[in-house]
Amino acid sequence: MERFIDRFCGDEVGNAAIDWIVLTAGMVLFGAAVMTSISPMTDDLALDATDADFQIEMGL
């Protein structure tokens, strides 16, 4: 069993793929966290822009 563990830890095939998978997953989670935190502000900004456009069209 000890020999199997040593061979498993010493095997470097596929390490780059695992690194890229972990890096990509981290970037996706970070992006989701950022979008979750700024989403309410962008909704308010879109509503304000719509209101301003409506006022311009109405000549107010």
C-alpha atoms as a PDB file:
ATOM      1  CA  MET A   1       0.000   0.000   0.000  1.00  0.00           C
ATOM      2  CA  GLU A   2       2.833   2.383   0.815  1.00  0.00           C
ATOM      3  CA  ARG A   3       4.363   1.760  -2.605  1.00  0.00           C
ATOM      4  CA  PHE A   4       1.025   2.591  -4.259  1.00  0.00           C
ATOM      5  CA  ILE A   5       0.777   5.885  -2.352  1.00  0.00           C
ATOM      6  CA  ASP A   6       4.349   6.823  -3.242  1.00  0.00           C
ATOM      7  CA  ARG A   7       3.736   6.049  -6.914  1.00  0.00           C
ATOM      8  CA  PHE A   8       0.429   7.969  -6.864  1.00  0.00           C
ATOM      9  CA  CYS A   9       2.022  11.069  -5.311  1.00  0.00           C
ATOM     10  CA  GLY A  10       4.978  10.929  -7.685  1.00  0.00           C
ATOM     11  CA  ASP A  11       2.877  10.653 -10.838  1.00  0.00           C
ATOM     12  CA  GLU A  12       2.718  14.056 -12.539  1.00  0.00           C
ATOM     13  CA  VAL A  13       0.546  13.134 -15.515  1.00  0.00           C
ATOM     14  CA  GLY A  14      -2.613  15.225 -15.491  1.00  0.00           C
ATOM     15  CA  ASN A  15      -1.461  17.748 -12.905  1.00  0.00           C
ATOM     16  CA  ALA A  16      -1.624  20.603 -15.398  1.00  0.00           C
ATOM     17  CA  ALA A  17      -5.201  19.698 -16.298  1.00  0.00           C
ATOM     18  CA  ILE A  18      -6.211  19.656 -12.659  1.00  0.00           C
ATOM     19  CA  ASP A  19      -4.528  23.022 -12.106  1.00  0.00           C
ATOM     20  CA  TRP A  20      -6.464  24.533 -15.017  1.00  0.00           C
ATOM     21  CA  ILE A  21      -9.735  23.059 -13.786  1.00  0.00           C
ATOM     22  CA  VAL A  22      -9.230  24.487 -10.304  1.00  0.00           C
ATOM     23  CA  LEU A  23      -8.162  27.859 -11.698  1.00  0.00           C
ATOM     24  CA  THR A  24     -11.160  28.022 -14.027  1.00  0.00           C
ATOM     25  CA  ALA A  25     -13.579  27.018 -11.273  1.00  0.00           C
ATOM     26  CA  GLY A  26     -12.140  29.736  -9.041  1.00  0.00           C
ATOM     27  CA  MET A  27     -12.565  32.350 -11.755  1.00  0.00           C
ATOM     28  CA  VAL A  28     -16.168  31.288 -12.389  1.00  0.00           C
ATOM     29  CA  LEU A  29     -17.000  31.439  -8.687  1.00  0.00           C
ATOM     30  CA  PHE A  30     -15.329  34.835  -8.366  1.00  0.00           C
ATOM     31  CA  GLY A  31     -17.299  36.134 -11.353  1.00  0.00           C
ATOM     32  CA  ALA A  32     -20.548  34.830  -9.870  1.00  0.00           C
ATOM     33  CA  ALA A  33     -19.773  36.528  -6.557  1.00  0.00           C
ATOM     34  CA  VAL A  34     -19.045  39.838  -8.286  1.00  0.00           C
ATOM     35  CA  MET A  35     -22.209  39.663 -10.375  1.00  0.00           C
ATOM     36  CA  THR A  36     -24.277  38.846  -7.299  1.00  0.00           C
ATOM     37  CA  SER A  37     -22.881  41.821  -5.426  1.00  0.00           C
ATOM     38  CA  ILE A  38     -23.325  44.423  -8.209  1.00  0.00           C
ATOM     39  CA  SER A  39     -26.583  43.145  -9.726  1.00  0.00           C
ATOM     40  CA  PRO A  40     -28.887  45.346  -7.598  1.00  0.00           C
ATOM     41  CA  MET A  41     -26.893  48.455  -8.537  1.00  0.00           C
ATOM     42  CA  THR A  42     -27.116  47.714 -12.254  1.00  0.00           C
ATOM     43  CA  ASP A  43     -30.885  47.215 -12.003  1.00  0.00           C
ATOM     44  CA  ASP A  44     -31.251  50.626 -10.339  1.00  0.00           C
ATOM     45  CA  LEU A  45     -29.012  52.213 -12.961  1.00  0.00           C
ATOM     46  CA  ALA A  46     -31.096  50.726 -15.784  1.00  0.00           C
ATOM     47  CA  LEU A  47     -34.315  52.020 -14.213  1.00  0.00           C
ATOM     48  CA  ASP A  48     -32.822  55.498 -13.767  1.00  0.00           C
ATOM     49  CA  ALA A  49     -31.707  55.545 -17.408  1.00  0.00           C
ATOM     50  CA  THR A  50     -35.178  54.494 -18.539  1.00  0.00           C
ATOM     51  CA  ASP A  51     -36.795  57.219 -16.450  1.00  0.00           C
ATOM     52  CA  ALA A  52     -34.409  59.840 -17.833  1.00  0.00           C
ATOM     53  CA  ASP A  53     -35.128  58.710 -21.395  1.00  0.00           C
ATOM     54  CA  PHE A  54     -38.853  58.890 -20.760  1.00  0.00           C
ATOM     55  CA  GLN A  55     -38.558  62.419 -19.378  1.00  0.00           C
ATOM     56  CA  ILE A  56     -36.562  63.534 -22.394  1.00  0.00           C
ATOM     57  CA  GLU A  57     -39.147  62.094 -24.774  1.00  0.00           C
ATOM     58  CA  MET A  58     -41.981  63.783 -22.877  1.00  0.00           C
ATOM     59  CA  GLY A  59     -40.121  67.110 -22.764  1.00  0.00           C
ATOM     60  CA  LEU A  60     -40.120  67.329 -18.984  1.00  0.00           C
END
